[in-house]
Amino acid sequence: MKVYVTDREGKEHELEATEDWTLMEIIREGGLPILAQCGGSCACATCHVYIDPAWKAKLPEPSEEEVGMLDGAFEVTEDSRLSCQIPFTKDLDGLKVTLAPGSV
């Protein structure tokens, strides 16, 4: 399974994805620069990513906690999500995301 992550310089990286890991863990394991300061407990917004619009409907809705954390993030858009809050499943094979600025 794969995830395609565009870095802050605009280069796309193909990462191996592991089912039941969070998107944050996959990005980190792939060696891309994502701070994820709280380690995935939805206590910061340093794993902020933009979801490709074609994939948004396939993701679970963000929790109130995630929405609250995004309120304090930089450059939030309608495509913003916290990657620590997205569990990877086989249905997300091929998911495309972009690292948000300021999350390193």
PDB file of N, CA and C in Angstrom:
ATOM      1  N   MET A   1       0.847  -1.173   0.000  1.00  0.00           N
ATOM      2  CA  MET A   1       0.000   0.000   0.000  1.00  0.00           C
ATOM      3  C   MET A   1       0.893   1.238   0.000  1.00  0.00           C
ATOM      4  N   LYS A   2       0.385   2.301  -0.576  1.00  0.00           N
ATOM      5  CA  LYS A   2       1.180   3.511  -0.772  1.00  0.00           C
ATOM      6  C   LYS A   2       0.445   4.753  -0.295  1.00  0.00           C
ATOM      7  N   VAL A   3       1.249   5.742   0.104  1.00  0.00           N
ATOM      8  CA  VAL A   3       0.792   7.105   0.365  1.00  0.00           C
ATOM      9  C   VAL A   3       1.731   8.009  -0.408  1.00  0.00           C
ATOM     10  N   TYR A   4       1.186   9.029  -1.030  1.00  0.00           N
ATOM     11  CA  TYR A   4       1.989   9.983  -1.795  1.00  0.00           C
ATOM     12  C   TYR A   4       1.980  11.312  -1.045  1.00  0.00           C
ATOM     13  N   VAL A   5       3.171  11.734  -0.615  1.00  0.00           N
ATOM     14  CA  VAL A   5       3.301  12.940   0.193  1.00  0.00           C
ATOM     15  C   VAL A   5       4.138  13.962  -0.561  1.00  0.00           C
ATOM     16  N   THR A   6       3.573  15.144  -0.746  1.00  0.00           N
ATOM     17  CA  THR A   6       4.307  16.244  -1.366  1.00  0.00           C
ATOM     18  C   THR A   6       4.948  17.057  -0.251  1.00  0.00           C
ATOM     19  N   ASP A   7       6.273  17.233  -0.357  1.00  0.00           N
ATOM     20  CA  ASP A   7       6.978  17.989   0.677  1.00  0.00           C
ATOM     21  C   ASP A   7       6.831  19.488   0.447  1.00  0.00           C
ATOM     22  N   ARG A   8       7.457  20.273   1.286  1.00  0.00           N
ATOM     23  CA  ARG A   8       7.305  21.735   1.217  1.00  0.00           C
ATOM     24  C   ARG A   8       8.008  22.361   0.021  1.00  0.00           C
ATOM     25  N   GLU A   9       8.849  21.593  -0.647  1.00  0.00           N
ATOM     26  CA  GLU A   9       9.510  22.081  -1.865  1.00  0.00           C
ATOM     27  C   GLU A   9       8.748  21.663  -3.125  1.00  0.00           C
ATOM     28  N   GLY A  10       7.642  20.929  -2.935  1.00  0.00           N
ATOM     29  CA  GLY A  10       6.821  20.525  -4.069  1.00  0.00           C
ATOM     30  C   GLY A  10       7.174  19.176  -4.659  1.00  0.00           C
ATOM     31  N   LYS A  11       8.096  18.436  -4.029  1.00  0.00           N
ATOM     32  CA  LYS A  11       8.485  17.110  -4.528  1.00  0.00           C
ATOM     33  C   LYS A  11       7.585  16.046  -3.912  1.00  0.00           C
ATOM     34  N   GLU A  12       7.071  15.156  -4.762  1.00  0.00           N
ATOM     35  CA  GLU A  12       6.210  14.071  -4.281  1.00  0.00           C
ATOM     36  C   GLU A  12       7.060  12.854  -3.912  1.00  0.00           C
ATOM     37  N   HIS A  13       6.729  12.264  -2.761  1.00  0.00           N
ATOM     38  CA  HIS A  13       7.412  11.073  -2.272  1.00  0.00           C
ATOM     39  C   HIS A  13       6.405   9.936  -2.177  1.00  0.00           C
ATOM     40  N   GLU A  14       6.787   8.774  -2.665  1.00  0.00           N
ATOM     41  CA  GLU A  14       5.945   7.577  -2.545  1.00  0.00           C
ATOM     42  C   GLU A  14       6.397   6.825  -1.301  1.00  0.00           C
ATOM     43  N   LEU A  15       5.510   6.690  -0.331  1.00  0.00           N
ATOM     44  CA  LEU A  15       5.850   6.025   0.923  1.00  0.00           C
ATOM     45  C   LEU A  15       5.086   4.711   1.051  1.00  0.00           C
ATOM     46  N   GLU A  16       5.768   3.728   1.623  1.00  0.00           N
ATOM     47  CA  GLU A  16       5.100   2.479   1.963  1.00  0.00           C
ATOM     48  C   GLU A  16       4.176   2.740   3.142  1.00  0.00           C
ATOM     49  N   ALA A  17       2.953   2.281   3.053  1.00  0.00           N
ATOM     50  CA  ALA A  17       1.973   2.507   4.110  1.00  0.00           C
ATOM     51  C   ALA A  17       1.654   1.199   4.823  1.00  0.00           C
ATOM     52  N   THR A  18       1.510   1.287   6.120  1.00  0.00           N
ATOM     53  CA  THR A  18       1.177   0.134   6.943  1.00  0.00           C
ATOM     54  C   THR A  18      -0.222   0.316   7.512  1.00  0.00           C
ATOM     55  N   GLU A  19      -1.070  -0.679   7.277  1.00  0.00           N
ATOM     56  CA  GLU A  19      -2.439  -0.603   7.777  1.00  0.00           C
ATOM     57  C   GLU A  19      -2.430  -0.499   9.300  1.00  0.00           C
ATOM     58  N   ASP A  20      -3.348   0.306   9.829  1.00  0.00           N
ATOM     59  CA  ASP A  20      -3.533   0.561  11.256  1.00  0.00           C
ATOM     60  C   ASP A  20      -2.501   1.509  11.861  1.00  0.00           C
ATOM     61  N   TRP A  21      -1.540   1.979  11.071  1.00  0.00           N
ATOM     62  CA  TRP A  21      -0.682   3.073  11.523  1.00  0.00           C
ATOM     63  C   TRP A  21      -1.425   4.362  11.228  1.00  0.00           C
ATOM     64  N   THR A  22      -1.042   5.433  11.908  1.00  0.00           N
ATOM     65  CA  THR A  22      -1.615   6.724  11.533  1.00  0.00           C
ATOM     66  C   THR A  22      -0.813   7.285  10.366  1.00  0.00           C
ATOM     67  N   LEU A  23      -1.432   8.214   9.668  1.00  0.00           N
ATOM     68  CA  LEU A  23      -0.746   8.879   8.569  1.00  0.00           C
ATOM     69  C   LEU A  23       0.538   9.548   9.077  1.00  0.00           C
ATOM     70  N   MET A  24       0.494  10.122  10.268  1.00  0.00           N
ATOM     71  CA  MET A  24       1.676  10.750  10.863  1.00  0.00           C
ATOM     72  C   MET A  24       2.820   9.741  10.992  1.00  0.00           C
ATOM     73  N   GLU A  25       2.522   8.548  11.485  1.00  0.00           N
ATOM     74  CA  GLU A  25       3.553   7.521  11.660  1.00  0.00           C
ATOM     75  C   GLU A  25       4.156   7.115  10.314  1.00  0.00           C
ATOM     76  N   ILE A  26       3.325   7.025   9.299  1.00  0.00           N
ATOM     77  CA  ILE A  26       3.797   6.651   7.960  1.00  0.00           C
ATOM     78  C   ILE A  26       4.731   7.739   7.411  1.00  0.00           C
ATOM     79  N   ILE A  27       4.344   8.996   7.584  1.00  0.00           N
ATOM     80  CA  ILE A  27       5.170  10.106   7.094  1.00  0.00           C
ATOM     81  C   ILE A  27       6.500  10.135   7.844  1.00  0.00           C
ATOM     82  N   ARG A  28       6.440   9.983   9.141  1.00  0.00           N
ATOM     83  CA  ARG A  28       7.665   9.968   9.960  1.00  0.00           C
ATOM     84  C   ARG A  28       8.579   8.811   9.558  1.00  0.00           C
ATOM     85  N   GLU A  29       8.014   7.627   9.438  1.00  0.00           N
ATOM     86  CA  GLU A  29       8.787   6.437   9.064  1.00  0.00           C
ATOM     87  C   GLU A  29       9.400   6.607   7.679  1.00  0.00           C
ATOM     88  N   GLY A  30       8.727   7.361   6.814  1.00  0.00           N
ATOM     89  CA  GLY A  30       9.237   7.619   5.476  1.00  0.00           C
ATOM     90  C   GLY A  30      10.364   8.639   5.442  1.00  0.00           C
ATOM     91  N   GLY A  31      10.701   9.202   6.600  1.00  0.00           N
ATOM     92  CA  GLY A  31      11.829  10.113   6.689  1.00  0.00           C
ATOM     93  C   GLY A  31      11.538  11.540   6.284  1.00  0.00           C
ATOM     94  N   LEU A  32      10.271  11.894   6.160  1.00  0.00           N
ATOM     95  CA  LEU A  32       9.934  13.262   5.784  1.00  0.00           C
ATOM     96  C   LEU A  32       9.880  14.153   7.026  1.00  0.00           C
ATOM     97  N   PRO A  33      10.136  15.448   6.842  1.00  0.00           N
ATOM     98  CA  PRO A  33      10.232  16.355   7.989  1.00  0.00           C
ATOM     99  C   PRO A  33       8.869  16.772   8.535  1.00  0.00           C
ATOM    100  N   ILE A  34       8.367  15.983   9.464  1.00  0.00           N
ATOM    101  CA  ILE A  34       7.120  16.329  10.144  1.00  0.00           C
ATOM    102  C   ILE A  34       7.418  16.267  11.640  1.00  0.00           C
ATOM    103  N   LEU A  35       7.165  17.350  12.333  1.00  0.00           N
ATOM    104  CA  LEU A  35       7.557  17.445  13.735  1.00  0.00           C
ATOM    105  C   LEU A  35       6.745  16.502  14.629  1.00  0.00           C
ATOM    106  N   ALA A  36       5.434  16.571  14.528  1.00  0.00           N
ATOM    107  CA  ALA A  36       4.565  15.716  15.338  1.00  0.00           C
ATOM    108  C   ALA A  36       5.003  15.725  16.799  1.00  0.00           C
ATOM    109  N   GLN A  37       5.124  16.920  17.333  1.00  0.00           N
ATOM    110  CA  GLN A  37       5.706  17.153  18.644  1.00  0.00           C
ATOM    111  C   GLN A  37       5.029  16.381  19.774  1.00  0.00           C
ATOM    112  N   CYS A  38       3.723  16.234  19.728  1.00  0.00           N
ATOM    113  CA  CYS A  38       3.022  15.556  20.828  1.00  0.00           C
ATOM    114  C   CYS A  38       3.002  14.043  20.659  1.00  0.00           C
ATOM    115  N   GLY A  39       3.547  13.545  19.550  1.00  0.00           N
ATOM    116  CA  GLY A  39       3.622  12.098  19.350  1.00  0.00           C
ATOM    117  C   GLY A  39       2.321  11.450  18.934  1.00  0.00           C
ATOM    118  N   GLY A  40       1.336  12.238  18.557  1.00  0.00           N
ATOM    119  CA  GLY A  40       0.095  11.656  18.051  1.00  0.00           C
ATOM    120  C   GLY A  40      -1.072  11.718  19.002  1.00  0.00           C
ATOM    121  N   SER A  41      -0.970  12.519  20.058  1.00  0.00           N
ATOM    122  CA  SER A  41      -2.060  12.567  21.028  1.00  0.00           C
ATOM    123  C   SER A  41      -3.031  13.726  20.800  1.00  0.00           C
ATOM    124  N   CYS A  42      -2.957  14.353  19.633  1.00  0.00           N
ATOM    125  CA  CYS A  42      -3.857  15.457  19.264  1.00  0.00           C
ATOM    126  C   CYS A  42      -3.756  16.608  20.265  1.00  0.00           C
ATOM    127  N   ALA A  43      -2.507  16.898  20.687  1.00  0.00           N
ATOM    128  CA  ALA A  43      -2.279  17.968  21.651  1.00  0.00           C
ATOM    129  C   ALA A  43      -1.488  19.124  21.049  1.00  0.00           C
ATOM    130  N   CYS A  44      -1.237  19.064  19.747  1.00  0.00           N
ATOM    131  CA  CYS A  44      -0.557  20.153  19.048  1.00  0.00           C
ATOM    132  C   CYS A  44      -1.035  20.098  17.591  1.00  0.00           C
ATOM    133  N   ALA A  45      -0.489  20.910  16.739  1.00  0.00           N
ATOM    134  CA  ALA A  45      -0.887  20.867  15.327  1.00  0.00           C
ATOM    135  C   ALA A  45       0.344  20.760  14.440  1.00  0.00           C
ATOM    136  N   THR A  46       1.411  20.150  14.960  1.00  0.00           N
ATOM    137  CA  THR A  46       2.662  20.096  14.206  1.00  0.00           C
ATOM    138  C   THR A  46       2.738  18.918  13.238  1.00  0.00           C
ATOM    139  N   CYS A  47       1.632  18.215  13.051  1.00  0.00           N
ATOM    140  CA  CYS A  47       1.559  17.162  12.022  1.00  0.00           C
ATOM    141  C   CYS A  47       0.519  17.532  10.968  1.00  0.00           C
ATOM    142  N   HIS A  48       0.257  18.816  10.844  1.00  0.00           N
ATOM    143  CA  HIS A  48      -0.741  19.371   9.925  1.00  0.00           C
ATOM    144  C   HIS A  48      -0.390  19.038   8.474  1.00  0.00           C
ATOM    145  N   VAL A  49      -1.358  18.505   7.764  1.00  0.00           N
ATOM    146  CA  VAL A  49      -1.208  18.213   6.332  1.00  0.00           C
ATOM    147  C   VAL A  49      -2.451  18.697   5.595  1.00  0.00           C
ATOM    148  N   TYR A  50      -2.305  18.813   4.274  1.00  0.00           N
ATOM    149  CA  TYR A  50      -3.437  19.106   3.399  1.00  0.00           C
ATOM    150  C   TYR A  50      -3.792  17.824   2.656  1.00  0.00           C
ATOM    151  N   ILE A  51      -5.041  17.439   2.726  1.00  0.00           N
ATOM    152  CA  ILE A  51      -5.528  16.237   2.053  1.00  0.00           C
ATOM    153  C   ILE A  51      -5.922  16.606   0.629  1.00  0.00           C
ATOM    154  N   ASP A  52      -5.493  15.810  -0.334  1.00  0.00           N
ATOM    155  CA  ASP A  52      -5.928  16.024  -1.719  1.00  0.00           C
ATOM    156  C   ASP A  52      -7.458  15.975  -1.734  1.00  0.00           C
ATOM    157  N   PRO A  53      -8.099  16.976  -2.341  1.00  0.00           N
ATOM    158  CA  PRO A  53      -9.570  17.037  -2.327  1.00  0.00           C
ATOM    159  C   PRO A  53     -10.259  15.757  -2.810  1.00  0.00           C
ATOM    160  N   ALA A  54      -9.641  15.026  -3.709  1.00  0.00           N
ATOM    161  CA  ALA A  54     -10.237  13.786  -4.217  1.00  0.00           C
ATOM    162  C   ALA A  54     -10.345  12.713  -3.132  1.00  0.00           C
ATOM    163  N   TRP A  55      -9.599  12.863  -2.046  1.00  0.00           N
ATOM    164  CA  TRP A  55      -9.565  11.858  -0.984  1.00  0.00           C
ATOM    165  C   TRP A  55     -10.362  12.251   0.258  1.00  0.00           C
ATOM    166  N   LYS A  56     -10.773  13.493   0.366  1.00  0.00           N
ATOM    167  CA  LYS A  56     -11.392  13.968   1.604  1.00  0.00           C
ATOM    168  C   LYS A  56     -12.610  13.158   2.024  1.00  0.00           C
ATOM    169  N   ALA A  57     -13.444  12.780   1.091  1.00  0.00           N
ATOM    170  CA  ALA A  57     -14.669  12.047   1.427  1.00  0.00           C
ATOM    171  C   ALA A  57     -14.387  10.641   1.937  1.00  0.00           C
ATOM    172  N   LYS A  58     -13.190  10.125   1.672  1.00  0.00           N
ATOM    173  CA  LYS A  58     -12.848   8.762   2.099  1.00  0.00           C
ATOM    174  C   LYS A  58     -12.303   8.715   3.523  1.00  0.00           C
ATOM    175  N   LEU A  59     -12.058   9.884   4.116  1.00  0.00           N
ATOM    176  CA  LEU A  59     -11.503   9.945   5.465  1.00  0.00           C
ATOM    177  C   LEU A  59     -12.596  10.063   6.507  1.00  0.00           C
ATOM    178  N   PRO A  60     -12.310   9.594   7.720  1.00  0.00           N
ATOM    179  CA  PRO A  60     -13.290   9.818   8.790  1.00  0.00           C
ATOM    180  C   PRO A  60     -13.376  11.318   9.085  1.00  0.00           C
ATOM    181  N   GLU A  61     -14.529  11.761   9.547  1.00  0.00           N
ATOM    182  CA  GLU A  61     -14.705  13.171   9.914  1.00  0.00           C
ATOM    183  C   GLU A  61     -13.763  13.516  11.066  1.00  0.00           C
ATOM    184  N   PRO A  62     -13.237  14.743  11.082  1.00  0.00           N
ATOM    185  CA  PRO A  62     -12.378  15.129  12.207  1.00  0.00           C
ATOM    186  C   PRO A  62     -13.183  15.234  13.501  1.00  0.00           C
ATOM    187  N   SER A  63     -12.565  14.867  14.599  1.00  0.00           N
ATOM    188  CA  SER A  63     -13.212  14.992  15.908  1.00  0.00           C
ATOM    189  C   SER A  63     -13.229  16.463  16.318  1.00  0.00           C
ATOM    190  N   GLU A  64     -14.029  16.777  17.330  1.00  0.00           N
ATOM    191  CA  GLU A  64     -14.049  18.150  17.857  1.00  0.00           C
ATOM    192  C   GLU A  64     -12.668  18.539  18.368  1.00  0.00           C
ATOM    193  N   GLU A  65     -11.971  17.588  18.963  1.00  0.00           N
ATOM    194  CA  GLU A  65     -10.620  17.835  19.484  1.00  0.00           C
ATOM    195  C   GLU A  65      -9.667  18.220  18.340  1.00  0.00           C
ATOM    196  N   GLU A  66      -9.746  17.478  17.229  1.00  0.00           N
ATOM    197  CA  GLU A  66      -8.894  17.788  16.079  1.00  0.00           C
ATOM    198  C   GLU A  66      -9.231  19.165  15.504  1.00  0.00           C
ATOM    199  N   VAL A  67     -10.499  19.466  15.360  1.00  0.00           N
ATOM    200  CA  VAL A  67     -10.918  20.770  14.845  1.00  0.00           C
ATOM    201  C   VAL A  67     -10.395  21.881  15.749  1.00  0.00           C
ATOM    202  N   GLY A  68     -10.454  21.666  17.062  1.00  0.00           N
ATOM    203  CA  GLY A  68      -9.948  22.648  18.015  1.00  0.00           C
ATOM    204  C   GLY A  68      -8.450  22.875  17.870  1.00  0.00           C
ATOM    205  N   MET A  69      -7.702  21.812  17.657  1.00  0.00           N
ATOM    206  CA  MET A  69      -6.249  21.939  17.463  1.00  0.00           C
ATOM    207  C   MET A  69      -5.941  22.659  16.153  1.00  0.00           C
ATOM    208  N   LEU A  70      -6.697  22.364  15.113  1.00  0.00           N
ATOM    209  CA  LEU A  70      -6.475  23.037  13.826  1.00  0.00           C
ATOM    210  C   LEU A  70      -6.760  24.531  13.914  1.00  0.00           C
ATOM    211  N   ASP A  71      -7.652  24.924  14.825  1.00  0.00           N
ATOM    212  CA  ASP A  71      -7.937  26.348  15.004  1.00  0.00           C
ATOM    213  C   ASP A  71      -6.687  27.134  15.375  1.00  0.00           C
ATOM    214  N   GLY A  72      -5.725  26.478  16.006  1.00  0.00           N
ATOM    215  CA  GLY A  72      -4.492  27.146  16.401  1.00  0.00           C
ATOM    216  C   GLY A  72      -3.338  26.935  15.435  1.00  0.00           C
ATOM    217  N   ALA A  73      -3.579  26.241  14.340  1.00  0.00           N
ATOM    218  CA  ALA A  73      -2.513  25.946  13.373  1.00  0.00           C
ATOM    219  C   ALA A  73      -2.341  27.103  12.390  1.00  0.00           C
ATOM    220  N   PHE A  74      -1.217  27.095  11.705  1.00  0.00           N
ATOM    221  CA  PHE A  74      -0.926  28.106  10.682  1.00  0.00           C
ATOM    222  C   PHE A  74      -1.435  27.648   9.321  1.00  0.00           C
ATOM    223  N   GLU A  75      -1.896  28.595   8.526  1.00  0.00           N
ATOM    224  CA  GLU A  75      -2.281  28.367   7.125  1.00  0.00           C
ATOM    225  C   GLU A  75      -3.265  27.211   6.960  1.00  0.00           C
ATOM    226  N   VAL A  76      -4.298  27.209   7.780  1.00  0.00           N
ATOM    227  CA  VAL A  76      -5.342  26.185   7.728  1.00  0.00           C
ATOM    228  C   VAL A  76      -6.251  26.457   6.526  1.00  0.00           C
ATOM    229  N   THR A  77      -6.597  25.387   5.820  1.00  0.00           N
ATOM    230  CA  THR A  77      -7.530  25.468   4.701  1.00  0.00           C
ATOM    231  C   THR A  77      -8.641  24.441   4.917  1.00  0.00           C
ATOM    232  N   GLU A  78      -9.587  24.396   4.002  1.00  0.00           N
ATOM    233  CA  GLU A  78     -10.657  23.390   4.109  1.00  0.00           C
ATOM    234  C   GLU A  78     -10.122  21.968   3.911  1.00  0.00           C
ATOM    235  N   ASP A  79      -8.892  21.840   3.419  1.00  0.00           N
ATOM    236  CA  ASP A  79      -8.279  20.527   3.212  1.00  0.00           C
ATOM    237  C   ASP A  79      -7.358  20.124   4.356  1.00  0.00           C
ATOM    238  N   SER A  80      -7.280  20.938   5.407  1.00  0.00           N
ATOM    239  CA  SER A  80      -6.382  20.687   6.530  1.00  0.00           C
ATOM    240  C   SER A  80      -6.871  19.556   7.418  1.00  0.00           C
ATOM    241  N   ARG A  81      -5.924  18.729   7.831  1.00  0.00           N
ATOM    242  CA  ARG A  81      -6.178  17.678   8.827  1.00  0.00           C
ATOM    243  C   ARG A  81      -4.907  17.477   9.634  1.00  0.00           C
ATOM    244  N   LEU A  82      -5.048  16.874  10.801  1.00  0.00           N
ATOM    245  CA  LEU A  82      -3.897  16.456  11.585  1.00  0.00           C
ATOM    246  C   LEU A  82      -3.612  15.003  11.218  1.00  0.00           C
ATOM    247  N   SER A  83      -2.414  14.754  10.735  1.00  0.00           N
ATOM    248  CA  SER A  83      -2.101  13.413  10.241  1.00  0.00           C
ATOM    249  C   SER A  83      -2.108  12.366  11.348  1.00  0.00           C
ATOM    250  N   CYS A  84      -1.955  12.789  12.606  1.00  0.00           N
ATOM    251  CA  CYS A  84      -1.994  11.818  13.715  1.00  0.00           C
ATOM    252  C   CYS A  84      -3.399  11.293  13.962  1.00  0.00           C
ATOM    253  N   GLN A  85      -4.395  11.942  13.382  1.00  0.00           N
ATOM    254  CA  GLN A  85      -5.782  11.558  13.614  1.00  0.00           C
ATOM    255  C   GLN A  85      -6.392  10.771  12.459  1.00  0.00           C
ATOM    256  N   ILE A  86      -5.547  10.359  11.521  1.00  0.00           N
ATOM    257  CA  ILE A  86      -6.034   9.610  10.357  1.00  0.00           C
ATOM    258  C   ILE A  86      -5.446   8.208  10.375  1.00  0.00           C
ATOM    259  N   PRO A  87      -6.230   7.218  10.810  1.00  0.00           N
ATOM    260  CA  PRO A  87      -5.742   5.836  10.766  1.00  0.00           C
ATOM    261  C   PRO A  87      -5.723   5.348   9.317  1.00  0.00           C
ATOM    262  N   PHE A  88      -4.631   4.717   8.926  1.00  0.00           N
ATOM    263  CA  PHE A  88      -4.519   4.245   7.553  1.00  0.00           C
ATOM    264  C   PHE A  88      -5.187   2.888   7.418  1.00  0.00           C
ATOM    265  N   THR A  89      -6.038   2.779   6.396  1.00  0.00           N
ATOM    266  CA  THR A  89      -6.697   1.511   6.073  1.00  0.00           C
ATOM    267  C   THR A  89      -6.441   1.211   4.602  1.00  0.00           C
ATOM    268  N   LYS A  90      -6.744  -0.015   4.200  1.00  0.00           N
ATOM    269  CA  LYS A  90      -6.522  -0.390   2.790  1.00  0.00           C
ATOM    270  C   LYS A  90      -7.346   0.481   1.842  1.00  0.00           C
ATOM    271  N   ASP A  91      -8.450   1.048   2.325  1.00  0.00           N
ATOM    272  CA  ASP A  91      -9.269   1.936   1.496  1.00  0.00           C
ATOM    273  C   ASP A  91      -8.547   3.238   1.150  1.00  0.00           C
ATOM    274  N   LEU A  92      -7.481   3.540   1.882  1.00  0.00           N
ATOM    275  CA  LEU A  92      -6.731   4.776   1.642  1.00  0.00           C
ATOM    276  C   LEU A  92      -5.470   4.541   0.812  1.00  0.00           C
ATOM    277  N   ASP A  93      -5.319   3.336   0.261  1.00  0.00           N
ATOM    278  CA  ASP A  93      -4.170   3.041  -0.590  1.00  0.00           C
ATOM    279  C   ASP A  93      -4.141   4.034  -1.753  1.00  0.00           C
ATOM    280  N   GLY A  94      -3.026   4.774  -1.878  1.00  0.00           N
ATOM    281  CA  GLY A  94      -2.901   5.779  -2.921  1.00  0.00           C
ATOM    282  C   GLY A  94      -3.194   7.193  -2.447  1.00  0.00           C
ATOM    283  N   LEU A  95      -3.528   7.358  -1.156  1.00  0.00           N
ATOM    284  CA  LEU A  95      -3.839   8.663  -0.581  1.00  0.00           C
ATOM    285  C   LEU A  95      -2.756   9.681  -0.919  1.00  0.00           C
ATOM    286  N   LYS A  96      -3.186  10.910  -1.243  1.00  0.00           N
ATOM    287  CA  LYS A  96      -2.249  11.996  -1.549  1.00  0.00           C
ATOM    288  C   LYS A  96      -2.443  13.125  -0.544  1.00  0.00           C
ATOM    289  N   VAL A  97      -1.323  13.559   0.040  1.00  0.00           N
ATOM    290  CA  VAL A  97      -1.339  14.666   0.990  1.00  0.00           C
ATOM    291  C   VAL A  97      -0.143  15.573   0.737  1.00  0.00           C
ATOM    292  N   THR A  98      -0.210  16.764   1.283  1.00  0.00           N
ATOM    293  CA  THR A  98       0.897  17.725   1.199  1.00  0.00           C
ATOM    294  C   THR A  98       1.212  18.196   2.611  1.00  0.00           C
ATOM    295  N   LEU A  99       2.498  18.245   2.938  1.00  0.00           N
ATOM    296  CA  LEU A  99       2.909  18.749   4.238  1.00  0.00           C
ATOM    297  C   LEU A  99       2.586  20.241   4.316  1.00  0.00           C
ATOM    298  N   ALA A 100       1.963  20.651   5.394  1.00  0.00           N
ATOM    299  CA  ALA A 100       1.636  22.065   5.572  1.00  0.00           C
ATOM    300  C   ALA A 100       2.874  22.835   6.002  1.00  0.00           C
ATOM    301  N   PRO A 101       2.948  24.111   5.669  1.00  0.00           N
ATOM    302  CA  PRO A 101       4.088  24.916   6.135  1.00  0.00           C
ATOM    303  C   PRO A 101       4.048  25.044   7.661  1.00  0.00           C
ATOM    304  N   GLY A 102       5.209  25.187   8.239  1.00  0.00           N
ATOM    305  CA  GLY A 102       5.283  25.439   9.669  1.00  0.00           C
ATOM    306  C   GLY A 102       5.082  24.234  10.555  1.00  0.00           C
ATOM    307  N   SER A 103       5.055  23.028  10.002  1.00  0.00           N
ATOM    308  CA  SER A 103       4.860  21.848  10.842  1.00  0.00           C
ATOM    309  C   SER A 103       6.170  21.090  11.050  1.00  0.00           C
ATOM    310  N   VAL A 104       7.283  21.817  10.998  1.00  0.00           N
ATOM    311  CA  VAL A 104       8.581  21.207  11.351  1.00  0.00           C
ATOM    312  C   VAL A 104       9.176  21.959  12.507  1.00  0.00           C
TER     313      VAL A 104
END
